[in-house]
């Protein structure tokens, strides 16, 4: 059997489609329904509290910019990945204020 030439890179994915046509992250927005949700989580974090923001109707670049604003306003660290912003600590009220000031409809999620 003849060897295949090429780099061996994946060209198609069931979640992303044709990977040869790279999409600009500035143009890809997430399809969401309903308001932005803010939740306090401790599960899987060794008891540490994290405020998560999800269901954002923004693209990846805008989500990272918003995460920077939230981290600065709360004075803590955090991350933005897969469309979810994580802020260290319980800062639900502050995050809600910032999101509403940005013009987003935000609600508390969970108990």
N, C-alpha and C. Protein backbone atom coordinates (compact mmCIF):
# COMPACT_ATOMS: atom_id res chain seq x y z
N UNK A 1 0.84 -1.17 0.00
CA UNK A 1 0.00 0.00 0.00
C UNK A 1 0.90 1.24 0.00
N UNK A 2 0.53 2.21 -0.80
CA UNK A 2 1.33 3.43 -0.93
C UNK A 2 1.10 4.33 0.28
N UNK A 3 2.15 5.03 0.66
CA UNK A 3 2.03 5.97 1.77
C UNK A 3 1.31 7.23 1.30
N UNK A 4 0.55 7.79 2.20
CA UNK A 4 -0.15 9.02 1.88
C UNK A 4 0.77 10.19 2.13
N UNK A 5 0.80 11.09 1.21
CA UNK A 5 1.61 12.30 1.40
C UNK A 5 0.73 13.37 2.03
N UNK A 6 1.33 14.23 2.77
CA UNK A 6 0.57 15.30 3.41
C UNK A 6 1.00 15.46 4.85
N UNK A 7 0.45 16.44 5.46
CA UNK A 7 0.85 16.76 6.82
C UNK A 7 0.12 15.93 7.87
N UNK A 8 -0.96 15.28 7.50
CA UNK A 8 -1.72 14.49 8.46
C UNK A 8 -2.64 15.33 9.33
N UNK A 9 -2.83 16.60 8.98
CA UNK A 9 -3.72 17.46 9.75
C UNK A 9 -5.17 17.10 9.49
N UNK A 10 -5.99 17.26 10.49
CA UNK A 10 -7.41 17.00 10.34
C UNK A 10 -8.01 18.09 9.46
N UNK A 11 -8.87 17.71 8.51
CA UNK A 11 -9.47 18.69 7.62
C UNK A 11 -10.97 18.84 7.85
N UNK A 12 -11.57 17.93 8.65
CA UNK A 12 -12.99 18.04 8.91
C UNK A 12 -13.27 17.60 10.33
N UNK A 13 -14.16 18.29 11.00
CA UNK A 13 -14.54 17.95 12.36
C UNK A 13 -16.05 18.02 12.46
N UNK A 14 -16.65 17.11 13.24
CA UNK A 14 -18.10 17.10 13.36
C UNK A 14 -18.63 18.33 14.08
N UNK A 15 -17.80 18.95 14.92
CA UNK A 15 -18.27 20.13 15.63
C UNK A 15 -17.96 21.43 14.90
N UNK A 16 -16.86 21.46 14.14
CA UNK A 16 -16.44 22.70 13.48
C UNK A 16 -16.61 22.68 11.97
N UNK A 17 -16.87 21.53 11.38
CA UNK A 17 -17.02 21.46 9.93
C UNK A 17 -15.67 21.40 9.23
N UNK A 18 -15.59 22.03 8.07
CA UNK A 18 -14.38 22.01 7.26
C UNK A 18 -13.33 22.93 7.87
N UNK A 19 -12.26 22.35 8.37
CA UNK A 19 -11.23 23.13 9.05
C UNK A 19 -10.28 23.81 8.08
N UNK A 20 -10.36 23.48 6.80
CA UNK A 20 -9.50 24.15 5.82
C UNK A 20 -9.97 25.58 5.61
N UNK A 21 -11.21 25.84 5.91
CA UNK A 21 -11.75 27.19 5.81
C UNK A 21 -11.80 27.79 7.20
N UNK A 22 -10.71 28.34 7.61
CA UNK A 22 -10.63 28.90 8.96
C UNK A 22 -11.53 30.12 9.06
N UNK A 23 -12.24 30.19 10.17
CA UNK A 23 -13.13 31.32 10.39
C UNK A 23 -12.43 32.35 11.27
N UNK A 24 -12.70 33.58 10.97
CA UNK A 24 -12.17 34.68 11.77
C UNK A 24 -12.94 34.72 13.09
N UNK A 25 -12.25 34.65 14.25
CA UNK A 25 -12.98 34.64 15.52
C UNK A 25 -13.78 35.91 15.77
N UNK A 26 -13.50 36.99 15.05
CA UNK A 26 -14.26 38.22 15.24
C UNK A 26 -15.64 38.13 14.60
N UNK A 27 -15.81 37.22 13.64
CA UNK A 27 -17.08 37.14 12.93
C UNK A 27 -17.98 36.03 13.44
N UNK A 28 -17.46 35.12 14.24
CA UNK A 28 -18.25 34.00 14.73
C UNK A 28 -18.89 34.38 16.04
N UNK A 29 -20.22 34.50 16.04
CA UNK A 29 -20.95 34.78 17.28
C UNK A 29 -21.69 33.53 17.69
N UNK A 30 -21.88 33.37 18.96
CA UNK A 30 -22.56 32.19 19.48
C UNK A 30 -24.07 32.42 19.42
N UNK A 31 -24.79 31.38 19.04
CA UNK A 31 -26.24 31.46 19.00
C UNK A 31 -26.77 31.14 20.39
N UNK A 32 -27.38 32.11 21.02
CA UNK A 32 -27.90 31.92 22.36
C UNK A 32 -29.35 32.34 22.40
N UNK A 33 -30.06 31.77 23.32
CA UNK A 33 -31.45 32.15 23.55
C UNK A 33 -31.59 32.57 25.00
N UNK A 34 -32.25 33.66 25.22
CA UNK A 34 -32.49 34.10 26.58
C UNK A 34 -31.39 35.03 27.08
N UNK A 35 -31.49 35.40 28.33
CA UNK A 35 -30.55 36.37 28.90
C UNK A 35 -29.20 35.74 29.24
N UNK A 36 -28.23 36.60 29.48
CA UNK A 36 -26.92 36.18 29.97
C UNK A 36 -27.11 35.69 31.40
N UNK A 37 -26.47 34.58 31.75
CA UNK A 37 -26.67 34.00 33.08
C UNK A 37 -25.39 34.08 33.90
N UNK A 38 -25.54 34.46 35.15
CA UNK A 38 -24.43 34.58 36.09
C UNK A 38 -24.68 33.59 37.22
N UNK A 39 -23.68 32.75 37.50
CA UNK A 39 -23.86 31.70 38.50
C UNK A 39 -22.61 31.57 39.36
N UNK A 40 -22.79 31.21 40.62
CA UNK A 40 -21.69 30.92 41.53
C UNK A 40 -21.50 29.42 41.56
N UNK A 41 -20.25 28.97 41.36
CA UNK A 41 -19.95 27.54 41.34
C UNK A 41 -18.80 27.22 42.27
N UNK A 42 -18.85 26.03 42.86
CA UNK A 42 -17.73 25.53 43.66
C UNK A 42 -17.38 24.11 43.25
N UNK A 43 -18.23 23.44 42.50
CA UNK A 43 -18.03 22.04 42.14
C UNK A 43 -16.78 21.85 41.28
N UNK A 44 -15.96 20.88 41.66
CA UNK A 44 -14.77 20.55 40.87
C UNK A 44 -13.63 21.53 41.03
N UNK A 45 -13.69 22.40 42.04
CA UNK A 45 -12.66 23.41 42.23
C UNK A 45 -12.06 23.37 43.63
N UNK A 46 -12.14 22.21 44.26
CA UNK A 46 -11.60 22.01 45.61
C UNK A 46 -12.16 23.02 46.61
N UNK A 47 -13.45 23.34 46.48
CA UNK A 47 -14.09 24.25 47.41
C UNK A 47 -13.93 25.72 47.10
N UNK A 48 -13.15 26.05 46.10
CA UNK A 48 -12.96 27.47 45.73
C UNK A 48 -14.19 27.96 44.98
N UNK A 49 -14.61 29.18 45.25
CA UNK A 49 -15.79 29.76 44.62
C UNK A 49 -15.39 30.49 43.35
N UNK A 50 -16.18 30.30 42.31
CA UNK A 50 -15.96 30.96 41.03
C UNK A 50 -17.29 31.49 40.53
N UNK A 51 -17.29 32.70 40.00
CA UNK A 51 -18.48 33.26 39.37
C UNK A 51 -18.37 33.01 37.87
N UNK A 52 -19.35 32.32 37.29
CA UNK A 52 -19.33 32.03 35.86
C UNK A 52 -20.39 32.84 35.14
N UNK A 53 -20.04 33.29 33.95
CA UNK A 53 -20.95 34.06 33.10
C UNK A 53 -21.06 33.28 31.79
N UNK A 54 -22.27 32.89 31.41
CA UNK A 54 -22.43 32.11 30.19
C UNK A 54 -23.68 32.55 29.45
N UNK A 55 -23.89 31.97 28.29
CA UNK A 55 -24.98 32.33 27.39
C UNK A 55 -24.79 33.74 26.83
N UNK A 56 -23.53 34.08 26.53
CA UNK A 56 -23.20 35.40 26.01
C UNK A 56 -23.37 35.44 24.49
N UNK A 57 -24.08 36.43 23.96
CA UNK A 57 -24.27 36.54 22.51
C UNK A 57 -23.14 37.34 21.87
N UNK A 58 -21.90 37.02 22.20
CA UNK A 58 -20.73 37.76 21.72
C UNK A 58 -19.77 36.80 21.03
N UNK A 59 -18.86 37.36 20.22
CA UNK A 59 -17.83 36.51 19.62
C UNK A 59 -16.67 36.36 20.60
N UNK A 60 -15.71 35.51 20.27
CA UNK A 60 -14.61 35.19 21.19
C UNK A 60 -13.79 36.41 21.59
N UNK A 61 -13.55 37.31 20.66
CA UNK A 61 -12.75 38.51 20.97
C UNK A 61 -13.50 39.40 21.96
N UNK A 62 -14.79 39.59 21.72
CA UNK A 62 -15.60 40.42 22.63
C UNK A 62 -15.73 39.78 24.01
N UNK A 63 -15.79 38.45 24.06
CA UNK A 63 -15.87 37.76 25.34
C UNK A 63 -14.59 37.98 26.13
N UNK A 64 -13.43 37.90 25.47
CA UNK A 64 -12.16 38.14 26.17
C UNK A 64 -12.07 39.58 26.67
N UNK A 65 -12.54 40.55 25.88
CA UNK A 65 -12.53 41.95 26.31
C UNK A 65 -13.45 42.15 27.52
N UNK A 66 -14.63 41.55 27.47
CA UNK A 66 -15.55 41.66 28.60
C UNK A 66 -14.97 41.00 29.85
N UNK A 67 -14.30 39.87 29.68
CA UNK A 67 -13.66 39.20 30.82
C UNK A 67 -12.61 40.10 31.44
N UNK A 68 -11.85 40.81 30.63
CA UNK A 68 -10.85 41.75 31.15
C UNK A 68 -11.49 42.86 31.96
N UNK A 69 -12.62 43.40 31.47
CA UNK A 69 -13.33 44.44 32.21
C UNK A 69 -13.83 43.92 33.55
N UNK A 70 -14.40 42.71 33.52
CA UNK A 70 -14.94 42.12 34.76
C UNK A 70 -13.83 41.85 35.77
N UNK A 71 -12.71 41.31 35.31
CA UNK A 71 -11.60 41.02 36.22
C UNK A 71 -11.04 42.30 36.83
N UNK A 72 -10.95 43.35 36.02
CA UNK A 72 -10.45 44.63 36.52
C UNK A 72 -11.40 45.24 37.54
N UNK A 73 -12.68 45.20 37.24
CA UNK A 73 -13.69 45.78 38.12
C UNK A 73 -13.76 45.04 39.46
N UNK A 74 -13.63 43.69 39.41
CA UNK A 74 -13.70 42.89 40.64
C UNK A 74 -12.35 42.82 41.35
N UNK A 75 -11.27 43.13 40.65
CA UNK A 75 -9.94 43.10 41.26
C UNK A 75 -9.44 41.69 41.51
N UNK A 76 -9.82 40.75 40.64
CA UNK A 76 -9.42 39.36 40.81
C UNK A 76 -9.00 38.79 39.46
N UNK A 77 -8.57 37.54 39.47
CA UNK A 77 -8.20 36.85 38.25
C UNK A 77 -9.38 36.11 37.67
N UNK A 78 -9.14 35.49 36.54
CA UNK A 78 -10.19 34.72 35.90
C UNK A 78 -9.76 34.28 34.52
N UNK A 79 -10.70 33.73 33.76
CA UNK A 79 -10.40 33.28 32.41
C UNK A 79 -11.64 33.36 31.54
N UNK A 80 -11.41 33.26 30.23
CA UNK A 80 -12.50 33.23 29.26
C UNK A 80 -12.17 32.13 28.26
N UNK A 81 -12.98 31.08 28.24
CA UNK A 81 -12.76 30.00 27.29
C UNK A 81 -14.08 29.33 26.95
N UNK A 82 -14.20 28.90 25.73
CA UNK A 82 -15.40 28.21 25.24
C UNK A 82 -16.68 29.01 25.48
N UNK A 83 -16.60 30.32 25.39
CA UNK A 83 -17.79 31.15 25.55
C UNK A 83 -18.24 31.37 26.98
N UNK A 84 -17.42 30.93 27.95
CA UNK A 84 -17.76 31.08 29.36
C UNK A 84 -16.68 31.91 30.04
N UNK A 85 -17.10 32.89 30.83
CA UNK A 85 -16.17 33.70 31.60
C UNK A 85 -16.18 33.20 33.04
N UNK A 86 -15.01 32.96 33.60
CA UNK A 86 -14.89 32.55 35.00
C UNK A 86 -14.13 33.64 35.75
N UNK A 87 -14.73 34.11 36.84
CA UNK A 87 -14.13 35.13 37.69
C UNK A 87 -13.91 34.51 39.06
N UNK A 88 -12.72 34.64 39.61
CA UNK A 88 -12.41 34.03 40.90
C UNK A 88 -13.17 34.74 42.02
N UNK A 89 -13.84 33.96 42.85
CA UNK A 89 -14.58 34.51 43.98
C UNK A 89 -16.05 34.71 43.66
N UNK A 90 -16.81 35.11 44.67
CA UNK A 90 -18.24 35.36 44.52
C UNK A 90 -18.46 36.84 44.26
N UNK A 91 -18.62 37.21 42.99
CA UNK A 91 -18.80 38.60 42.58
C UNK A 91 -20.04 38.75 41.71
N UNK A 92 -21.09 38.02 42.04
CA UNK A 92 -22.29 38.02 41.21
C UNK A 92 -22.92 39.40 41.06
N UNK A 93 -23.03 40.14 42.15
CA UNK A 93 -23.68 41.45 42.09
C UNK A 93 -22.89 42.43 41.22
N UNK A 94 -21.58 42.44 41.40
CA UNK A 94 -20.73 43.34 40.61
C UNK A 94 -20.79 42.97 39.13
N UNK A 95 -20.75 41.67 38.84
CA UNK A 95 -20.80 41.21 37.45
C UNK A 95 -22.13 41.59 36.82
N UNK A 96 -23.23 41.43 37.56
CA UNK A 96 -24.54 41.82 37.04
C UNK A 96 -24.58 43.31 36.71
N UNK A 97 -24.03 44.14 37.58
CA UNK A 97 -24.00 45.59 37.34
C UNK A 97 -23.23 45.93 36.07
N UNK A 98 -22.07 45.30 35.88
CA UNK A 98 -21.25 45.57 34.70
C UNK A 98 -21.95 45.10 33.43
N UNK A 99 -22.54 43.91 33.46
CA UNK A 99 -23.23 43.39 32.28
C UNK A 99 -24.41 44.26 31.90
N UNK A 100 -25.15 44.72 32.89
CA UNK A 100 -26.30 45.59 32.59
C UNK A 100 -25.84 46.95 32.07
N UNK A 101 -24.70 47.44 32.57
CA UNK A 101 -24.15 48.69 32.06
C UNK A 101 -23.67 48.55 30.61
N UNK A 102 -23.27 47.33 30.23
CA UNK A 102 -22.85 47.05 28.85
C UNK A 102 -24.06 46.89 27.92
N UNK A 103 -25.28 46.90 28.46
CA UNK A 103 -26.47 46.78 27.65
C UNK A 103 -26.95 45.36 27.45
N UNK A 104 -26.43 44.42 28.22
CA UNK A 104 -26.84 43.02 28.13
C UNK A 104 -27.92 42.73 29.17
N UNK A 105 -28.85 41.88 28.84
CA UNK A 105 -29.87 41.43 29.80
C UNK A 105 -29.27 40.28 30.58
N UNK A 106 -29.06 40.46 31.87
CA UNK A 106 -28.40 39.44 32.70
C UNK A 106 -29.27 39.09 33.89
N UNK A 107 -29.23 37.79 34.26
CA UNK A 107 -29.99 37.32 35.42
C UNK A 107 -29.10 36.36 36.21
N UNK A 108 -29.46 36.18 37.50
CA UNK A 108 -28.77 35.19 38.32
C UNK A 108 -29.33 33.81 37.98
N UNK A 109 -28.44 32.83 37.89
CA UNK A 109 -28.85 31.46 37.60
C UNK A 109 -28.49 30.58 38.79
N UNK A 110 -29.22 29.50 38.95
CA UNK A 110 -28.93 28.60 40.06
C UNK A 110 -29.65 29.03 41.33
N UNK A 111 -29.34 28.32 42.41
CA UNK A 111 -30.03 28.55 43.68
C UNK A 111 -29.42 29.61 44.41
